[in-house]
Amino acid sequence: MKGIIDRFEGDIAVIEIDGETKDYDKSILPKNADVGDVVEIDGNKVKVLKGETDKLRKEIEVLMEDVWED
């Protein structure tokens, strides 16, 4: 399943999956995982999907530009 890292709370990673958040132990995430990353979760294995993360960040950037245009 895929999700987006919403935030870290101590040793917990809060990941949004299908509009709901779930808590995961931060230790199962790759060391380079960061807030906003798209991740694939398979049991206790978590992989950062760099291509999807980059695509999502670009989409958000475009939306923000539209919001702030006069």
PDB file of N, CA and C in Angstrom:
ATOM      1  N   MET A   1       0.844  -1.171   0.000  1.00  0.00           N
ATOM      2  CA  MET A   1       0.000   0.000   0.000  1.00  0.00           C
ATOM      3  C   MET A   1       0.892   1.237   0.000  1.00  0.00           C
ATOM      4  N   LYS A   2       0.347   2.323  -0.496  1.00  0.00           N
ATOM      5  CA  LYS A   2       1.106   3.566  -0.581  1.00  0.00           C
ATOM      6  C   LYS A   2       0.539   4.607   0.368  1.00  0.00           C
ATOM      7  N   GLY A   3       1.413   5.479   0.840  1.00  0.00           N
ATOM      8  CA  GLY A   3       1.005   6.550   1.723  1.00  0.00           C
ATOM      9  C   GLY A   3       1.974   7.714   1.629  1.00  0.00           C
ATOM     10  N   ILE A   4       1.690   8.763   2.389  1.00  0.00           N
ATOM     11  CA  ILE A   4       2.536   9.953   2.427  1.00  0.00           C
ATOM     12  C   ILE A   4       2.880  10.220   3.887  1.00  0.00           C
ATOM     13  N   ILE A   5       4.177  10.437   4.146  1.00  0.00           N
ATOM     14  CA  ILE A   5       4.593  10.731   5.515  1.00  0.00           C
ATOM     15  C   ILE A   5       4.050  12.103   5.890  1.00  0.00           C
ATOM     16  N   ASP A   6       3.210  12.129   6.899  1.00  0.00           N
ATOM     17  CA  ASP A   6       2.567  13.359   7.355  1.00  0.00           C
ATOM     18  C   ASP A   6       3.439  14.095   8.370  1.00  0.00           C
ATOM     19  N   ARG A   7       3.995  13.338   9.311  1.00  0.00           N
ATOM     20  CA  ARG A   7       4.821  13.965  10.351  1.00  0.00           C
ATOM     21  C   ARG A   7       5.508  12.876  11.163  1.00  0.00           C
ATOM     22  N   PHE A   8       6.467  13.334  11.972  1.00  0.00           N
ATOM     23  CA  PHE A   8       7.125  12.457  12.929  1.00  0.00           C
ATOM     24  C   PHE A   8       6.788  12.945  14.329  1.00  0.00           C
ATOM     25  N   GLU A   9       6.495  12.018  15.204  1.00  0.00           N
ATOM     26  CA  GLU A   9       6.220  12.322  16.608  1.00  0.00           C
ATOM     27  C   GLU A   9       7.118  11.405  17.437  1.00  0.00           C
ATOM     28  N   GLY A  10       8.303  11.908  17.781  1.00  0.00           N
ATOM     29  CA  GLY A  10       9.275  11.081  18.501  1.00  0.00           C
ATOM     30  C   GLY A  10       9.707   9.913  17.638  1.00  0.00           C
ATOM     31  N   ASP A  11       9.478   8.697  18.118  1.00  0.00           N
ATOM     32  CA  ASP A  11       9.869   7.490  17.390  1.00  0.00           C
ATOM     33  C   ASP A  11       8.764   6.966  16.478  1.00  0.00           C
ATOM     34  N   ILE A  12       7.712   7.770  16.289  1.00  0.00           N
ATOM     35  CA  ILE A  12       6.564   7.362  15.477  1.00  0.00           C
ATOM     36  C   ILE A  12       6.523   8.179  14.180  1.00  0.00           C
ATOM     37  N   ALA A  13       6.252   7.490  13.079  1.00  0.00           N
ATOM     38  CA  ALA A  13       6.007   8.147  11.796  1.00  0.00           C
ATOM     39  C   ALA A  13       4.505   8.074  11.547  1.00  0.00           C
ATOM     40  N   VAL A  14       3.880   9.217  11.336  1.00  0.00           N
ATOM     41  CA  VAL A  14       2.453   9.267  11.040  1.00  0.00           C
ATOM     42  C   VAL A  14       2.329   9.326   9.519  1.00  0.00           C
ATOM     43  N   ILE A  15       1.692   8.326   8.947  1.00  0.00           N
ATOM     44  CA  ILE A  15       1.584   8.196   7.494  1.00  0.00           C
ATOM     45  C   ILE A  15       0.123   8.225   7.089  1.00  0.00           C
ATOM     46  N   GLU A  16      -0.174   9.087   6.109  1.00  0.00           N
ATOM     47  CA  GLU A  16      -1.539   9.184   5.590  1.00  0.00           C
ATOM     48  C   GLU A  16      -1.720   8.158   4.476  1.00  0.00           C
ATOM     49  N   ILE A  17      -2.742   7.330   4.651  1.00  0.00           N
ATOM     50  CA  ILE A  17      -3.070   6.299   3.672  1.00  0.00           C
ATOM     51  C   ILE A  17      -4.556   6.403   3.373  1.00  0.00           C
ATOM     52  N   ASP A  18      -4.892   6.682   2.134  1.00  0.00           N
ATOM     53  CA  ASP A  18      -6.297   6.795   1.715  1.00  0.00           C
ATOM     54  C   ASP A  18      -7.090   7.748   2.608  1.00  0.00           C
ATOM     55  N   GLY A  19      -6.489   8.897   2.946  1.00  0.00           N
ATOM     56  CA  GLY A  19      -7.191   9.913   3.706  1.00  0.00           C
ATOM     57  C   GLY A  19      -7.212   9.711   5.215  1.00  0.00           C
ATOM     58  N   GLU A  20      -6.651   8.606   5.697  1.00  0.00           N
ATOM     59  CA  GLU A  20      -6.595   8.342   7.132  1.00  0.00           C
ATOM     60  C   GLU A  20      -5.140   8.194   7.550  1.00  0.00           C
ATOM     61  N   THR A  21      -4.835   8.559   8.798  1.00  0.00           N
ATOM     62  CA  THR A  21      -3.462   8.434   9.270  1.00  0.00           C
ATOM     63  C   THR A  21      -3.276   7.175  10.105  1.00  0.00           C
ATOM     64  N   LYS A  22      -2.090   6.590   9.969  1.00  0.00           N
ATOM     65  CA  LYS A  22      -1.708   5.417  10.741  1.00  0.00           C
ATOM     66  C   LYS A  22      -0.325   5.668  11.309  1.00  0.00           C
ATOM     67  N   ASP A  23      -0.080   5.154  12.499  1.00  0.00           N
ATOM     68  CA  ASP A  23       1.217   5.293  13.137  1.00  0.00           C
ATOM     69  C   ASP A  23       2.080   4.068  12.841  1.00  0.00           C
ATOM     70  N   TYR A  24       3.346   4.340  12.511  1.00  0.00           N
ATOM     71  CA  TYR A  24       4.325   3.285  12.280  1.00  0.00           C
ATOM     72  C   TYR A  24       5.575   3.608  13.077  1.00  0.00           C
ATOM     73  N   ASP A  25       6.279   2.589  13.490  1.00  0.00           N
ATOM     74  CA  ASP A  25       7.542   2.799  14.170  1.00  0.00           C
ATOM     75  C   ASP A  25       8.529   3.412  13.172  1.00  0.00           C
ATOM     76  N   LYS A  26       9.109   4.516  13.551  1.00  0.00           N
ATOM     77  CA  LYS A  26      10.020   5.250  12.660  1.00  0.00           C
ATOM     78  C   LYS A  26      11.201   4.381  12.214  1.00  0.00           C
ATOM     79  N   SER A  27      11.557   3.392  13.018  1.00  0.00           N
ATOM     80  CA  SER A  27      12.724   2.560  12.710  1.00  0.00           C
ATOM     81  C   SER A  27      12.553   1.720  11.449  1.00  0.00           C
ATOM     82  N   ILE A  28      11.309   1.515  10.979  1.00  0.00           N
ATOM     83  CA  ILE A  28      11.124   0.706   9.759  1.00  0.00           C
ATOM     84  C   ILE A  28      11.278   1.543   8.498  1.00  0.00           C
ATOM     85  N   LEU A  29      11.357   2.865   8.649  1.00  0.00           N
ATOM     86  CA  LEU A  29      11.523   3.741   7.492  1.00  0.00           C
ATOM     87  C   LEU A  29      13.001   3.853   7.129  1.00  0.00           C
ATOM     88  N   PRO A  30      13.292   4.084   5.841  1.00  0.00           N
ATOM     89  CA  PRO A  30      14.680   4.341   5.462  1.00  0.00           C
ATOM     90  C   PRO A  30      15.177   5.610   6.163  1.00  0.00           C
ATOM     91  N   LYS A  31      16.466   5.670   6.410  1.00  0.00           N
ATOM     92  CA  LYS A  31      17.061   6.816   7.118  1.00  0.00           C
ATOM     93  C   LYS A  31      16.793   8.135   6.405  1.00  0.00           C
ATOM     94  N   ASN A  32      16.683   8.113   5.067  1.00  0.00           N
ATOM     95  CA  ASN A  32      16.496   9.343   4.291  1.00  0.00           C
ATOM     96  C   ASN A  32      15.031   9.760   4.160  1.00  0.00           C
ATOM     97  N   ALA A  33      14.104   9.022   4.774  1.00  0.00           N
ATOM     98  CA  ALA A  33      12.677   9.343   4.681  1.00  0.00           C
ATOM     99  C   ALA A  33      12.400  10.679   5.351  1.00  0.00           C
ATOM    100  N   ASP A  34      11.532  11.485   4.714  1.00  0.00           N
ATOM    101  CA  ASP A  34      11.235  12.818   5.223  1.00  0.00           C
ATOM    102  C   ASP A  34       9.737  13.105   5.081  1.00  0.00           C
ATOM    103  N   VAL A  35       9.274  14.096   5.799  1.00  0.00           N
ATOM    104  CA  VAL A  35       7.879  14.518   5.718  1.00  0.00           C
ATOM    105  C   VAL A  35       7.557  14.870   4.270  1.00  0.00           C
ATOM    106  N   GLY A  36       6.416  14.384   3.784  1.00  0.00           N
ATOM    107  CA  GLY A  36       5.986  14.649   2.412  1.00  0.00           C
ATOM    108  C   GLY A  36       6.380  13.568   1.429  1.00  0.00           C
ATOM    109  N   ASP A  37       7.228  12.642   1.844  1.00  0.00           N
ATOM    110  CA  ASP A  37       7.641  11.562   0.944  1.00  0.00           C
ATOM    111  C   ASP A  37       6.496  10.580   0.716  1.00  0.00           C
ATOM    112  N   VAL A  38       6.385  10.124  -0.524  1.00  0.00           N
ATOM    113  CA  VAL A  38       5.460   9.049  -0.857  1.00  0.00           C
ATOM    114  C   VAL A  38       6.199   7.745  -0.556  1.00  0.00           C
ATOM    115  N   VAL A  39       5.550   6.867   0.185  1.00  0.00           N
ATOM    116  CA  VAL A  39       6.180   5.605   0.563  1.00  0.00           C
ATOM    117  C   VAL A  39       5.298   4.423   0.188  1.00  0.00           C
ATOM    118  N   GLU A  40       5.953   3.299  -0.013  1.00  0.00           N
ATOM    119  CA  GLU A  40       5.257   2.035  -0.245  1.00  0.00           C
ATOM    120  C   GLU A  40       5.509   1.166   0.973  1.00  0.00           C
ATOM    121  N   ILE A  41       4.428   0.679   1.571  1.00  0.00           N
ATOM    122  CA  ILE A  41       4.525  -0.109   2.796  1.00  0.00           C
ATOM    123  C   ILE A  41       4.139  -1.546   2.478  1.00  0.00           C
ATOM    124  N   ASP A  42       5.046  -2.463   2.818  1.00  0.00           N
ATOM    125  CA  ASP A  42       4.801  -3.886   2.617  1.00  0.00           C
ATOM    126  C   ASP A  42       5.183  -4.597   3.911  1.00  0.00           C
ATOM    127  N   GLY A  43       4.226  -4.763   4.793  1.00  0.00           N
ATOM    128  CA  GLY A  43       4.501  -5.353   6.104  1.00  0.00           C
ATOM    129  C   GLY A  43       5.379  -4.422   6.919  1.00  0.00           C
ATOM    130  N   ASN A  44       6.575  -4.885   7.270  1.00  0.00           N
ATOM    131  CA  ASN A  44       7.522  -4.057   8.017  1.00  0.00           C
ATOM    132  C   ASN A  44       8.578  -3.451   7.117  1.00  0.00           C
ATOM    133  N   LYS A  45       8.354  -3.476   5.818  1.00  0.00           N
ATOM    134  CA  LYS A  45       9.296  -2.884   4.867  1.00  0.00           C
ATOM    135  C   LYS A  45       8.671  -1.626   4.279  1.00  0.00           C
ATOM    136  N   VAL A  46       9.420  -0.530   4.334  1.00  0.00           N
ATOM    137  CA  VAL A  46       8.942   0.734   3.787  1.00  0.00           C
ATOM    138  C   VAL A  46       9.984   1.248   2.809  1.00  0.00           C
ATOM    139  N   LYS A  47       9.517   1.659   1.643  1.00  0.00           N
ATOM    140  CA  LYS A  47      10.406   2.149   0.595  1.00  0.00           C
ATOM    141  C   LYS A  47       9.926   3.534   0.162  1.00  0.00           C
ATOM    142  N   VAL A  48      10.846   4.501   0.074  1.00  0.00           N
ATOM    143  CA  VAL A  48      10.507   5.830  -0.424  1.00  0.00           C
ATOM    144  C   VAL A  48      10.427   5.752  -1.943  1.00  0.00           C
ATOM    145  N   LEU A  49       9.325   6.252  -2.500  1.00  0.00           N
ATOM    146  CA  LEU A  49       9.136   6.274  -3.950  1.00  0.00           C
ATOM    147  C   LEU A  49       9.532   7.665  -4.454  1.00  0.00           C
ATOM    148  N   LYS A  50      10.812   7.821  -4.772  1.00  0.00           N
ATOM    149  CA  LYS A  50      11.366   9.131  -5.112  1.00  0.00           C
ATOM    150  C   LYS A  50      10.658   9.766  -6.307  1.00  0.00           C
ATOM    151  N   GLY A  51      10.414   9.002  -7.343  1.00  0.00           N
ATOM    152  CA  GLY A  51       9.751   9.541  -8.536  1.00  0.00           C
ATOM    153  C   GLY A  51       8.363  10.079  -8.206  1.00  0.00           C
ATOM    154  N   GLU A  52       7.593   9.326  -7.439  1.00  0.00           N
ATOM    155  CA  GLU A  52       6.247   9.770  -7.068  1.00  0.00           C
ATOM    156  C   GLU A  52       6.300  10.960  -6.109  1.00  0.00           C
ATOM    157  N   THR A  53       7.299  10.969  -5.224  1.00  0.00           N
ATOM    158  CA  THR A  53       7.465  12.099  -4.298  1.00  0.00           C
ATOM    159  C   THR A  53       7.767  13.371  -5.086  1.00  0.00           C
ATOM    160  N   ASP A  54       8.684  13.287  -6.041  1.00  0.00           N
ATOM    161  CA  ASP A  54       9.041  14.451  -6.859  1.00  0.00           C
ATOM    162  C   ASP A  54       7.833  14.949  -7.652  1.00  0.00           C
ATOM    163  N   LYS A  55       7.060  14.023  -8.221  1.00  0.00           N
ATOM    164  CA  LYS A  55       5.870  14.383  -8.988  1.00  0.00           C
ATOM    165  C   LYS A  55       4.849  15.093  -8.099  1.00  0.00           C
ATOM    166  N   LEU A  56       4.621  14.573  -6.900  1.00  0.00           N
ATOM    167  CA  LEU A  56       3.665  15.167  -5.967  1.00  0.00           C
ATOM    168  C   LEU A  56       4.113  16.567  -5.561  1.00  0.00           C
ATOM    169  N   ARG A  57       5.397  16.739  -5.280  1.00  0.00           N
ATOM    170  CA  ARG A  57       5.906  18.056  -4.881  1.00  0.00           C
ATOM    171  C   ARG A  57       5.735  19.075  -6.004  1.00  0.00           C
ATOM    172  N   LYS A  58       5.945  18.658  -7.254  1.00  0.00           N
ATOM    173  CA  LYS A  58       5.755  19.567  -8.391  1.00  0.00           C
ATOM    174  C   LYS A  58       4.285  19.947  -8.533  1.00  0.00           C
ATOM    175  N   GLU A  59       3.387  18.979  -8.350  1.00  0.00           N
ATOM    176  CA  GLU A  59       1.952  19.263  -8.436  1.00  0.00           C
ATOM    177  C   GLU A  59       1.540  20.271  -7.363  1.00  0.00           C
ATOM    178  N   ILE A  60       2.054  20.094  -6.160  1.00  0.00           N
ATOM    179  CA  ILE A  60       1.730  21.013  -5.062  1.00  0.00           C
ATOM    180  C   ILE A  60       2.292  22.401  -5.352  1.00  0.00           C
ATOM    181  N   GLU A  61       3.491  22.451  -5.907  1.00  0.00           N
ATOM    182  CA  GLU A  61       4.108  23.737  -6.247  1.00  0.00           C
ATOM    183  C   GLU A  61       3.249  24.500  -7.261  1.00  0.00           C
ATOM    184  N   VAL A  62       2.755  23.807  -8.270  1.00  0.00           N
ATOM    185  CA  VAL A  62       1.900  24.439  -9.278  1.00  0.00           C
ATOM    186  C   VAL A  62       0.615  24.951  -8.636  1.00  0.00           C
ATOM    187  N   LEU A  63       0.016  24.139  -7.773  1.00  0.00           N
ATOM    188  CA  LEU A  63      -1.215  24.567  -7.091  1.00  0.00           C
ATOM    189  C   LEU A  63      -0.964  25.807  -6.229  1.00  0.00           C
ATOM    190  N   MET A  64       0.163  25.825  -5.528  1.00  0.00           N
ATOM    191  CA  MET A  64       0.483  26.972  -4.677  1.00  0.00           C
ATOM    192  C   MET A  64       0.698  28.239  -5.520  1.00  0.00           C
ATOM    193  N   GLU A  65       1.325  28.083  -6.683  1.00  0.00           N
ATOM    194  CA  GLU A  65       1.510  29.238  -7.562  1.00  0.00           C
ATOM    195  C   GLU A  65       0.166  29.782  -8.018  1.00  0.00           C
ATOM    196  N   ASP A  66      -0.773  28.884  -8.331  1.00  0.00           N
ATOM    197  CA  ASP A  66      -2.114  29.303  -8.742  1.00  0.00           C
ATOM    198  C   ASP A  66      -2.840  30.049  -7.620  1.00  0.00           C
ATOM    199  N   VAL A  67      -2.674  29.578  -6.392  1.00  0.00           N
ATOM    200  CA  VAL A  67      -3.330  30.196  -5.245  1.00  0.00           C
ATOM    201  C   VAL A  67      -2.802  31.613  -5.007  1.00  0.00           C
ATOM    202  N   TRP A  68      -1.494  31.795  -5.154  1.00  0.00           N
ATOM    203  CA  TRP A  68      -0.871  33.068  -4.806  1.00  0.00           C
ATOM    204  C   TRP A  68      -0.818  34.056  -5.960  1.00  0.00           C
ATOM    205  N   GLU A  69      -1.275  33.666  -7.150  1.00  0.00           N
ATOM    206  CA  GLU A  69      -1.316  34.611  -8.275  1.00  0.00           C
ATOM    207  C   GLU A  69      -2.393  35.656  -8.032  1.00  0.00           C
ATOM    208  N   ASP A  70      -2.109  36.879  -8.457  1.00  0.00           N
ATOM    209  CA  ASP A  70      -3.107  37.965  -8.304  1.00  0.00           C
ATOM    210  C   ASP A  70      -4.103  37.962  -9.437  1.00  0.00           C
TER     211      ASP A  70
END
